[in-house]
Amino acid sequence: MGDSVGGSNDKLSYFQAITGLEDPDLCTEILAAHGWDLELAISSFTNPNPSQNPNSDSWQPSEFPPETTTRQDSDSNPVVADVAPPPGLAWKLITLPFSVISGSLGLISGAIGLGLWVAGSVFSQSRNMIGWGRGGAAEEGVSSPLVSLSAAASEALDFVSGFERNYGAVHPNFVTQGFMDSLQLSRQAFKLLFVYLHSPDHPDTPVFCEGTLCSEAVVAFINENFVSWGGSIRSSEGFKMSNSLKASRYPFCAVVMAASDQRIALLEQIEGPRSPEQMLSILQRVHEESATVLVTARLDAEERRNAVHLREEQDAAYRAALEADQARERQRKEEQERLEREAAEAERKRKEEEEARERAAREVAEKEAALARRRQEKAMALGAEPEKGPNVTHVLVRFPTGERKERRFHSSATIQSLYDYVDSLECLKAEKYSLVSNFPRVIYGLEKHSLSLKEAGLHPQASLFIELDS
């Protein structure tokens, strides 16, 4: 059971690699419809109607070209050796550098492995290039900056300059960059790449360039609908491309598009001279058949860009909402802390005021208690009031409130006794006062406290009033 599942997964992967289809469900349905016969499914998919394919005589789905392996000679140039492939489709898919494929366009197409010669300084920054329908720099609208003129770009610039010297300024707008850079530009522009391999020594080259390739109608159509790249087979990159595309006859043109994993899809190759009408017919057919794929790729890229933009907007909105929530939370905490501080401050003041009131109450109570003790002590010190007699003085005291108090004292009692008497009463709250007589006006201050009533001239009776000290 496990081997069956593993085999099905392998077949699915191989089928996706050959056909270029990325939808695993669709590939599974196609394989299931052909009983998981990989060669039958690929054959029916890649060549549904051979009679409609102008190049169908040159290839059959079950026939693959010999394995091509690449090694490096002492000058670091690729040397191609042909080795007969062993049977088995899976082996061919893994090891063949050239696998004939066809997409939904109904065209003969090939996937050319570019990894080996890309590493040979054609375009080192394009080693991870991916095909239509995947994310990349094109979808982000960003291209790698040109730091310095590479060898491939220098060759492309030399080719364009030489072509203009020989055939004039009216020609396809060949990109003055290396092949991989040009392929990247086509992918970014959602266009196919028109490739022209120039053989300077071929006798058909001048007539083809002057009459067909530089024809105004052909030039206008190519410039409008394709990205163009040209190279001389005398140059390093042009020679490598002629080997990769297996150019056998010149003039040679091809239409390719980016595939995936350092591969390109060969949609059309035009070998030998063609008239402008024939060239236009071929290019128009390829462009029309590829329009759906290119439009779909453009729409997919726009959808992904829109999705990225939407995610960015959602992320920005989320961050803004989060920041607003955090700001509100900070404000709430600050308000809560402020209220807590105010409550704590109010509680502190309340406690202080309560403590102050309690202290004041204690002080008043203590003062009243002390005053009551003093009155009691004063009253006890006075002793009993004497009866009337010749040695008894009658004293009348008027208080600031108008209240009057009378008492009899021994004539030998001192002025201090009068003060003690006043202090023992509850009529006066003041502590500092003086006893004063009106006629004559005499103030019985501290210096007279030790005099007896008789010595002070207050016997046998006296009328005094209280004068509060300021």
Protein backbone atom coordinates (compact mmCIF):
# COMPACT_ATOMS: atom_id res chain seq x y z
CA MET A 1 0.00 0.00 0.00
CA GLY A 2 2.83 2.41 0.93
CA ASP A 3 4.73 1.61 -2.30
CA SER A 4 1.58 2.28 -4.32
CA VAL A 5 1.08 5.65 -2.68
CA GLY A 6 4.74 6.52 -3.13
CA GLY A 7 4.59 5.53 -6.79
CA SER A 8 1.48 7.64 -7.34
CA ASN A 9 3.18 10.64 -5.73
CA ASP A 10 6.25 10.16 -7.93
CA LYS A 11 4.10 9.93 -11.06
CA LEU A 12 2.21 13.05 -10.01
CA SER A 13 5.49 14.94 -9.51
CA TYR A 14 6.85 13.75 -12.87
CA PHE A 15 3.61 14.65 -14.65
CA GLN A 16 3.69 18.16 -13.12
CA ALA A 17 7.34 18.63 -14.13
CA ILE A 18 6.70 17.49 -17.72
CA THR A 19 3.44 19.36 -18.34
CA GLY A 20 4.17 22.46 -16.31
CA LEU A 21 0.80 22.20 -14.55
CA GLU A 22 0.90 23.27 -10.91
CA ASP A 23 -2.60 22.23 -9.80
CA PRO A 24 -2.14 18.79 -8.14
CA ASP A 25 -5.87 18.05 -8.23
CA LEU A 26 -6.07 18.63 -11.98
CA CYS A 27 -2.96 16.49 -12.58
CA THR A 28 -4.42 13.75 -10.40
CA GLU A 29 -7.65 13.76 -12.41
CA ILE A 30 -5.74 13.51 -15.72
CA LEU A 31 -3.58 10.63 -14.46
CA ALA A 32 -6.59 8.83 -13.01
CA ALA A 33 -8.44 9.16 -16.32
CA HIS A 34 -5.54 7.31 -18.01
CA GLY A 35 -5.25 4.63 -15.36
CA TRP A 36 -2.09 6.23 -13.89
CA ASP A 37 -0.22 5.32 -17.11
CA LEU A 38 2.30 8.15 -17.05
CA GLU A 39 3.43 7.91 -20.71
CA LEU A 40 -0.15 7.63 -21.96
CA ALA A 41 -1.28 10.64 -19.90
CA ILE A 42 1.68 12.75 -21.06
CA SER A 43 1.19 11.67 -24.69
CA SER A 44 -2.50 12.58 -24.69
CA PHE A 45 -1.81 15.86 -22.91
CA THR A 46 1.21 17.04 -24.91
CA ASN A 47 0.00 16.03 -28.38
CA PRO A 48 -3.79 15.91 -28.38
CA ASN A 49 -3.99 16.47 -32.17
CA PRO A 50 -0.66 16.02 -33.99
CA SER A 51 -2.14 17.06 -37.29
CA GLN A 52 -2.63 20.60 -36.00
CA ASN A 53 1.00 20.94 -34.95
CA PRO A 54 3.28 22.10 -37.77
CA ASN A 55 6.30 20.48 -36.08
CA SER A 56 4.63 17.22 -35.06
CA ASP A 57 6.68 15.21 -37.56
CA SER A 58 9.84 16.01 -35.67
CA TRP A 59 8.75 14.44 -32.40
CA GLN A 60 6.52 11.74 -30.93
CA PRO A 61 5.53 11.65 -27.24
CA SER A 62 7.20 8.29 -26.66
CA GLU A 63 10.45 9.28 -28.36
CA PHE A 64 13.00 11.25 -26.38
CA PRO A 65 16.32 12.60 -27.65
CA PRO A 66 19.55 11.04 -26.38
CA GLU A 67 20.74 12.08 -22.96
CA THR A 68 22.97 15.13 -23.11
CA THR A 69 25.52 15.50 -20.34
CA THR A 70 27.71 18.53 -19.87
CA ARG A 71 31.26 18.54 -18.58
CA GLN A 72 33.95 21.28 -18.46
CA ASP A 73 37.18 21.19 -20.51
CA SER A 74 40.38 22.90 -19.43
CA ASP A 75 39.09 26.27 -20.73
CA SER A 76 35.87 25.98 -18.68
CA ASN A 77 33.80 25.68 -21.91
CA PRO A 78 30.93 23.18 -22.03
CA VAL A 79 31.68 19.98 -23.93
CA VAL A 80 28.60 18.03 -24.99
CA ALA A 81 28.65 14.25 -25.15
CA ASP A 82 25.76 12.10 -26.39
CA VAL A 83 24.90 9.04 -24.35
CA ALA A 84 22.07 6.69 -25.24
CA PRO A 85 19.42 6.87 -22.51
CA PRO A 86 18.42 3.72 -20.64
CA PRO A 87 14.73 2.82 -20.73
CA GLY A 88 12.35 4.28 -18.19
CA LEU A 89 10.56 7.61 -18.23
CA ALA A 90 11.41 8.49 -14.66
CA TRP A 91 15.14 8.35 -15.35
CA LYS A 92 14.74 10.57 -18.38
CA LEU A 93 12.79 13.11 -16.41
CA ILE A 94 15.47 13.39 -13.78
CA THR A 95 18.61 13.32 -15.94
CA LEU A 96 17.70 14.62 -19.38
CA PRO A 97 18.78 18.24 -19.83
CA PHE A 98 16.18 18.58 -22.60
CA SER A 99 12.64 17.30 -22.04
CA VAL A 100 9.97 17.92 -24.66
CA ILE A 101 6.86 19.32 -23.00
CA SER A 102 3.69 21.07 -24.08
CA GLY A 103 1.45 23.27 -22.00
CA SER A 104 -2.20 24.12 -22.45
CA LEU A 105 -1.30 26.08 -25.59
CA GLY A 106 -1.20 22.99 -27.79
CA LEU A 107 2.33 23.92 -28.90
CA ILE A 108 5.55 21.93 -29.17
CA SER A 109 7.64 23.15 -26.26
CA GLY A 110 10.82 22.19 -24.51
CA ALA A 111 12.26 22.65 -21.04
CA ILE A 112 15.93 23.45 -21.32
CA GLY A 113 18.04 23.06 -18.24
CA LEU A 114 20.02 26.26 -17.78
CA GLY A 115 21.70 25.63 -14.46
CA LEU A 116 25.14 24.56 -15.70
CA TRP A 117 25.82 27.43 -18.05
CA VAL A 118 24.08 29.94 -15.78
CA ALA A 119 26.77 29.13 -13.25
CA GLY A 120 29.27 30.05 -15.99
CA SER A 121 28.61 33.76 -15.35
CA VAL A 122 25.68 34.24 -17.74
CA PHE A 123 23.54 35.76 -14.95
CA SER A 124 24.50 34.72 -11.48
CA GLN A 125 21.57 36.54 -9.84
CA SER A 126 18.98 34.57 -11.84
CA ARG A 127 19.87 31.12 -10.53
CA ASN A 128 16.71 30.94 -8.47
CA MET A 129 14.37 32.27 -11.16
CA ILE A 130 10.91 30.75 -11.05
CA GLY A 131 8.17 30.59 -13.64
CA TRP A 132 4.79 32.12 -14.32
CA GLY A 133 2.36 31.84 -11.46
CA ARG A 134 4.97 32.01 -8.66
CA GLY A 135 6.01 34.91 -6.48
CA GLY A 136 9.19 36.75 -7.20
CA ALA A 137 10.72 40.07 -7.96
CA ALA A 138 8.39 40.59 -10.89
CA GLU A 139 5.31 40.35 -8.72
CA GLU A 140 6.80 42.79 -6.25
CA GLY A 141 7.70 45.17 -9.05
CA VAL A 142 11.37 45.05 -8.07
CA SER A 143 14.28 44.11 -10.32
CA SER A 144 17.84 43.41 -9.30
CA PRO A 145 19.98 46.52 -9.77
CA LEU A 146 22.75 46.36 -12.33
CA VAL A 147 25.88 46.70 -10.27
CA SER A 148 28.38 46.35 -13.13
CA LEU A 149 28.30 45.41 -16.80
CA SER A 150 28.57 41.62 -16.93
CA ALA A 151 30.26 39.67 -19.72
CA ALA A 152 26.87 38.55 -21.04
CA ALA A 153 25.55 42.13 -21.07
CA SER A 154 28.72 43.30 -22.82
CA GLU A 155 28.23 40.65 -25.50
CA ALA A 156 24.58 41.67 -25.92
CA LEU A 157 25.58 45.33 -26.30
CA ASP A 158 28.24 44.42 -28.87
CA PHE A 159 25.68 42.34 -30.79
CA VAL A 160 23.16 45.19 -30.99
CA SER A 161 25.85 47.65 -32.06
CA GLY A 162 27.15 45.32 -34.78
CA PHE A 163 23.62 44.49 -35.97
CA GLU A 164 22.78 48.19 -36.35
CA ARG A 165 25.98 48.81 -38.28
CA ASN A 166 25.12 46.08 -40.75
CA TYR A 167 21.33 46.35 -41.01
CA GLY A 168 20.32 49.78 -39.75
CA ALA A 169 18.35 51.07 -36.79
CA VAL A 170 15.04 49.43 -37.70
CA HIS A 171 15.13 46.07 -35.95
CA PRO A 172 13.55 44.35 -32.94
CA ASN A 173 14.41 46.10 -29.71
CA PHE A 174 17.00 43.58 -28.58
CA VAL A 175 17.65 43.81 -24.85
CA THR A 176 21.26 44.79 -24.19
CA GLN A 177 21.53 42.33 -21.32
CA GLY A 178 22.31 38.67 -20.89
CA PHE A 179 19.79 36.00 -21.79
CA MET A 180 18.70 35.34 -18.20
CA ASP A 181 18.22 39.06 -17.59
CA SER A 182 16.14 39.29 -20.75
CA LEU A 183 14.09 36.27 -19.68
CA GLN A 184 13.51 37.94 -16.35
CA LEU A 185 12.36 41.12 -18.10
CA SER A 186 9.89 39.16 -20.20
CA ARG A 187 8.53 37.48 -17.12
CA GLN A 188 8.15 40.83 -15.38
CA ALA A 189 6.36 42.26 -18.45
CA PHE A 190 4.20 39.12 -18.84
CA LYS A 191 5.41 38.69 -22.39
CA LEU A 192 7.10 35.91 -24.33
CA LEU A 193 10.80 36.16 -25.17
CA PHE A 194 11.72 36.29 -28.84
CA VAL A 195 15.20 34.82 -29.37
CA TYR A 196 17.32 35.38 -32.47
CA LEU A 197 20.60 33.49 -32.89
CA HIS A 198 22.75 35.26 -35.45
CA SER A 199 25.11 33.30 -37.71
CA PRO A 200 27.28 35.94 -39.46
CA ASP A 201 28.75 33.46 -41.96
CA HIS A 202 25.54 31.79 -43.11
CA PRO A 203 24.56 32.79 -46.63
CA ASP A 204 20.86 33.22 -45.75
CA THR A 205 21.56 35.58 -42.85
CA PRO A 206 21.80 38.94 -44.72
CA VAL A 207 18.66 38.34 -46.77
CA PHE A 208 16.68 37.19 -43.72
CA CYS A 209 17.83 40.12 -41.56
CA GLU A 210 17.24 42.77 -44.23
CA GLY A 211 14.03 41.40 -45.71
CA THR A 212 12.29 39.70 -42.76
CA LEU A 213 13.71 40.44 -39.34
CA CYS A 214 14.05 44.16 -40.08
CA SER A 215 10.74 44.39 -41.90
CA GLU A 216 8.67 47.19 -40.41
CA ALA A 217 5.62 44.96 -39.92
CA VAL A 218 7.66 42.22 -38.22
CA VAL A 219 9.59 44.72 -36.10
CA ALA A 220 6.40 46.48 -35.01
CA PHE A 221 4.70 43.20 -34.05
CA ILE A 222 7.72 41.87 -32.13
CA ASN A 223 8.31 45.14 -30.28
CA GLU A 224 4.65 45.36 -29.36
CA ASN A 225 4.14 41.80 -28.15
CA PHE A 226 7.54 40.33 -27.19
CA VAL A 227 10.71 41.03 -25.33
CA SER A 228 13.59 40.40 -27.73
CA TRP A 229 17.05 39.00 -27.18
CA GLY A 230 19.67 38.37 -29.82
CA GLY A 231 23.10 36.86 -29.79
CA SER A 232 25.79 35.89 -32.20
CA ILE A 233 26.86 32.26 -32.21
CA ARG A 234 30.43 33.57 -32.27
CA SER A 235 29.93 34.93 -28.76
CA SER A 236 30.07 32.80 -25.65
CA GLU A 237 26.44 33.14 -24.63
CA GLY A 238 25.12 32.90 -28.19
CA PHE A 239 27.10 29.70 -28.69
CA LYS A 240 25.79 28.22 -25.45
CA MET A 241 22.21 29.11 -26.38
CA SER A 242 22.59 27.53 -29.81
CA ASN A 243 23.69 24.31 -28.08
CA SER A 244 20.91 24.47 -25.49
CA LEU A 245 18.24 25.14 -28.14
CA LYS A 246 19.86 22.59 -30.46
CA ALA A 247 19.89 25.00 -33.37
CA SER A 248 20.65 23.00 -36.53
CA ARG A 249 19.79 25.48 -39.27
CA TYR A 250 20.14 29.20 -39.67
CA PRO A 251 18.69 31.79 -39.53
CA PHE A 252 17.33 30.57 -36.18
CA CYS A 253 14.57 32.16 -34.12
CA ALA A 254 12.70 30.87 -31.11
CA VAL A 255 9.92 31.91 -28.77
CA VAL A 256 10.41 30.91 -25.14
CA MET A 257 8.93 31.69 -21.75
CA ALA A 258 10.15 31.25 -18.21
CA ALA A 259 9.18 27.94 -16.65
CA SER A 260 10.65 27.03 -13.28
CA ASP A 261 13.80 25.78 -11.56
CA GLN A 262 16.19 27.31 -14.13
CA ARG A 263 14.16 26.02 -17.04
CA ILE A 264 12.52 27.67 -19.99
CA ALA A 265 9.57 26.51 -22.05
CA LEU A 266 10.34 26.41 -25.78
CA LEU A 267 7.06 27.38 -27.45
CA GLU A 268 8.25 27.72 -31.05
CA GLN A 269 11.46 27.48 -33.05
CA ILE A 270 11.83 28.87 -36.57
CA GLU A 271 14.78 27.48 -38.54
CA GLY A 272 15.79 28.59 -41.98
CA PRO A 273 14.75 31.65 -43.93
CA ARG A 274 11.17 32.89 -43.73
CA SER A 275 9.32 35.63 -45.51
CA PRO A 276 7.89 38.51 -43.48
CA GLU A 277 4.40 37.09 -44.00
CA GLN A 278 5.44 33.63 -42.79
CA MET A 279 7.25 35.10 -39.79
CA LEU A 280 4.25 37.25 -38.87
CA SER A 281 1.89 34.31 -39.22
CA ILE A 282 3.97 32.13 -36.92
CA LEU A 283 4.48 34.84 -34.33
CA GLN A 284 0.81 35.82 -34.38
CA ARG A 285 -0.23 32.21 -33.84
CA VAL A 286 2.17 31.77 -30.92
CA HIS A 287 1.07 35.08 -29.39
CA GLU A 288 -2.63 34.24 -29.73
CA GLU A 289 -2.19 30.76 -28.26
CA SER A 290 -0.17 32.10 -25.34
CA ALA A 291 -2.49 35.02 -24.64
CA THR A 292 -4.62 33.06 -22.18
CA VAL A 293 -1.61 31.89 -20.19
CA LEU A 294 -0.06 35.36 -20.11
CA VAL A 295 -3.31 37.06 -19.15
CA THR A 296 -3.91 34.43 -16.47
CA ALA A 297 -0.38 34.93 -15.17
CA ARG A 298 -0.87 38.69 -15.12
CA LEU A 299 -4.21 38.36 -13.35
CA ASP A 300 -2.73 35.90 -10.86
CA ALA A 301 0.15 38.27 -10.19
CA GLU A 302 -2.22 41.19 -9.78
CA GLU A 303 -4.40 39.09 -7.51
CA ARG A 304 -1.38 38.21 -5.42
CA ARG A 305 -0.25 41.83 -5.34
CA ASN A 306 -3.76 42.86 -4.36
CA ALA A 307 -3.80 40.13 -1.72
CA VAL A 308 -0.44 41.34 -0.42
CA HIS A 309 -1.71 44.93 -0.48
CA LEU A 310 -4.89 43.85 1.27
CA ARG A 311 -2.88 41.97 3.89
CA GLU A 312 -0.68 45.03 4.34
CA GLU A 313 -3.76 47.22 4.74
CA GLN A 314 -5.29 44.71 7.14
CA ASP A 315 -2.01 44.50 9.05
CA ALA A 316 -1.81 48.30 9.14
CA ALA A 317 -5.43 48.51 10.28
CA TYR A 318 -4.77 45.83 12.88
CA ARG A 319 -1.65 47.63 14.09
CA ALA A 320 -3.57 50.91 14.19
CA ALA A 321 -6.41 49.26 16.09
CA LEU A 322 -3.92 47.57 18.39
CA GLU A 323 -2.11 50.84 19.00
CA ALA A 324 -5.46 52.56 19.63
CA ASP A 325 -6.42 49.78 22.05
CA GLN A 326 -3.05 50.06 23.75
CA ALA A 327 -3.43 53.85 23.92
CA ARG A 328 -6.89 53.46 25.41
CA GLU A 329 -5.57 50.87 27.85
CA ARG A 330 -2.71 53.18 28.82
CA GLN A 331 -5.20 56.04 29.22
CA ARG A 332 -7.49 53.82 31.28
CA LYS A 333 -4.60 52.73 33.49
CA GLU A 334 -3.38 56.31 33.84
CA GLU A 335 -6.91 57.45 34.74
CA GLN A 336 -7.24 54.57 37.17
CA GLU A 337 -3.88 55.38 38.71
CA ARG A 338 -4.86 59.06 38.92
CA LEU A 339 -8.13 58.17 40.62
CA GLU A 340 -6.30 55.84 42.98
CA ARG A 341 -3.78 58.58 43.79
CA GLU A 342 -6.58 61.07 44.37
CA ALA A 343 -8.46 58.57 46.51
CA ALA A 344 -5.30 57.81 48.47
CA GLU A 345 -4.62 61.53 48.87
CA ALA A 346 -8.22 62.15 49.98
CA GLU A 347 -7.98 59.25 52.42
CA ARG A 348 -4.69 60.60 53.75
CA LYS A 349 -6.21 64.07 54.23
CA ARG A 350 -9.31 62.57 55.84
CA LYS A 351 -7.15 60.62 58.26
CA GLU A 352 -5.04 63.69 58.98
CA GLU A 353 -8.14 65.80 59.59
CA GLU A 354 -9.66 63.08 61.73
CA GLU A 355 -6.44 62.78 63.70
CA ALA A 356 -6.32 66.58 64.02
CA ARG A 357 -9.90 66.63 65.28
CA GLU A 358 -9.11 63.83 67.67
CA ARG A 359 -6.02 65.70 68.91
CA ALA A 360 -8.01 68.91 69.28
CA ALA A 361 -10.74 67.05 71.08
CA ARG A 362 -8.18 65.41 73.34
CA GLU A 363 -6.53 68.76 73.97
CA VAL A 364 -9.87 70.38 74.78
CA ALA A 365 -10.82 67.48 77.00
CA GLU A 366 -7.44 67.55 78.66
CA LYS A 367 -7.68 71.31 79.06
CA GLU A 368 -11.17 71.10 80.50
CA ALA A 369 -10.09 68.28 82.76
CA ALA A 370 -7.12 70.32 83.90
CA LEU A 371 -9.36 73.34 84.42
CA ALA A 372 -11.83 71.27 86.38
CA ARG A 373 -9.03 69.88 88.54
CA ARG A 374 -7.71 73.37 89.10
CA ARG A 375 -11.14 74.65 90.07
CA GLN A 376 -11.53 71.80 92.44
CA GLU A 377 -8.10 72.41 93.91
CA LYS A 378 -8.84 76.14 94.19
CA ALA A 379 -12.17 75.50 95.85
CA MET A 380 -10.56 73.07 98.32
CA ALA A 381 -7.79 75.58 99.02
CA LEU A 382 -10.36 78.28 99.90
CA GLY A 383 -11.94 76.23 102.62
CA ALA A 384 -15.42 76.90 104.00
CA GLU A 385 -16.95 80.33 103.69
CA PRO A 386 -16.82 82.12 107.08
CA GLU A 387 -19.83 83.52 108.83
CA LYS A 388 -20.41 87.24 109.14
CA GLY A 389 -18.32 88.97 111.74
CA PRO A 390 -16.06 91.97 112.40
CA ASN A 391 -13.06 90.23 110.87
CA VAL A 392 -14.94 89.03 107.79
CA THR A 393 -14.82 90.91 104.49
CA HIS A 394 -17.68 90.79 102.02
CA VAL A 395 -16.48 90.75 98.38
CA LEU A 396 -18.61 91.26 95.23
CA VAL A 397 -17.12 90.25 91.84
CA ARG A 398 -18.66 91.29 88.54
CA PHE A 399 -17.76 89.16 85.47
CA PRO A 400 -17.48 90.41 81.85
CA THR A 401 -20.72 88.63 81.07
CA GLY A 402 -22.54 90.76 83.64
CA GLU A 403 -22.85 87.92 86.07
CA ARG A 404 -22.14 88.66 89.75
CA LYS A 405 -20.69 86.45 92.43
CA GLU A 406 -20.37 87.20 96.21
CA ARG A 407 -18.42 85.58 99.00
CA ARG A 408 -17.17 86.29 102.52
CA PHE A 409 -13.49 86.03 103.34
CA HIS A 410 -11.44 86.49 106.50
CA SER A 411 -9.92 89.94 106.43
CA SER A 412 -6.54 88.29 106.80
CA ALA A 413 -7.02 86.36 103.55
CA THR A 414 -4.74 87.45 100.71
CA ILE A 415 -5.63 88.92 97.33
CA GLN A 416 -4.53 85.54 95.90
CA SER A 417 -7.55 84.05 97.70
CA LEU A 418 -9.79 86.29 95.58
CA TYR A 419 -8.12 85.00 92.40
CA ASP A 420 -8.50 81.41 93.65
CA TYR A 421 -12.15 82.08 94.25
CA VAL A 422 -12.67 83.42 90.72
CA ASP A 423 -10.71 80.46 89.29
CA SER A 424 -12.91 77.99 91.19
CA LEU A 425 -15.99 79.30 89.44
CA GLU A 426 -17.14 78.29 85.97
CA CYS A 427 -18.08 81.84 85.01
CA LEU A 428 -14.75 82.77 83.47
CA LYS A 429 -12.97 80.84 80.67
CA ALA A 430 -10.01 83.18 80.37
CA GLU A 431 -6.80 82.34 82.16
CA LYS A 432 -5.25 85.83 82.16
CA TYR A 433 -7.21 88.54 83.86
CA SER A 434 -6.96 91.11 86.63
CA LEU A 435 -9.20 92.12 89.52
CA VAL A 436 -9.84 95.85 89.44
CA SER A 437 -11.70 98.31 91.77
CA ASN A 438 -13.43 101.38 90.35
CA PHE A 439 -13.30 104.00 93.11
CA PRO A 440 -10.51 104.47 93.38
CA ARG A 441 -9.32 102.51 90.39
CA VAL A 442 -6.86 100.00 91.61
CA ILE A 443 -5.51 97.01 89.71
CA TYR A 444 -4.65 94.18 91.98
CA GLY A 445 -1.91 92.68 89.89
CA LEU A 446 0.63 89.98 90.65
CA GLU A 447 2.68 92.26 92.90
CA LYS A 448 -0.29 92.64 95.28
CA HIS A 449 -1.33 89.00 95.47
CA SER A 450 0.38 88.52 98.82
CA LEU A 451 -1.41 91.48 100.51
CA SER A 452 -4.26 90.72 102.86
CA LEU A 453 -7.66 92.11 102.14
CA LYS A 454 -7.34 94.40 105.08
CA GLU A 455 -3.89 95.64 104.00
CA ALA A 456 -5.21 96.20 100.43
CA GLY A 457 -8.00 98.42 101.78
CA LEU A 458 -10.76 95.99 100.80
CA HIS A 459 -12.14 95.44 104.35
CA PRO A 460 -14.96 95.31 105.46
CA GLN A 461 -16.38 95.08 101.91
CA ALA A 462 -15.20 95.45 98.34
CA SER A 463 -16.68 95.60 94.86
CA LEU A 464 -14.35 94.36 92.12
CA PHE A 465 -14.73 93.60 88.42
CA ILE A 466 -12.69 91.42 86.12
CA GLU A 467 -10.62 93.01 83.41
CA LEU A 468 -9.30 90.60 80.77
CA ASP A 469 -5.65 90.96 79.87
CA SER A 470 -5.02 91.63 76.20
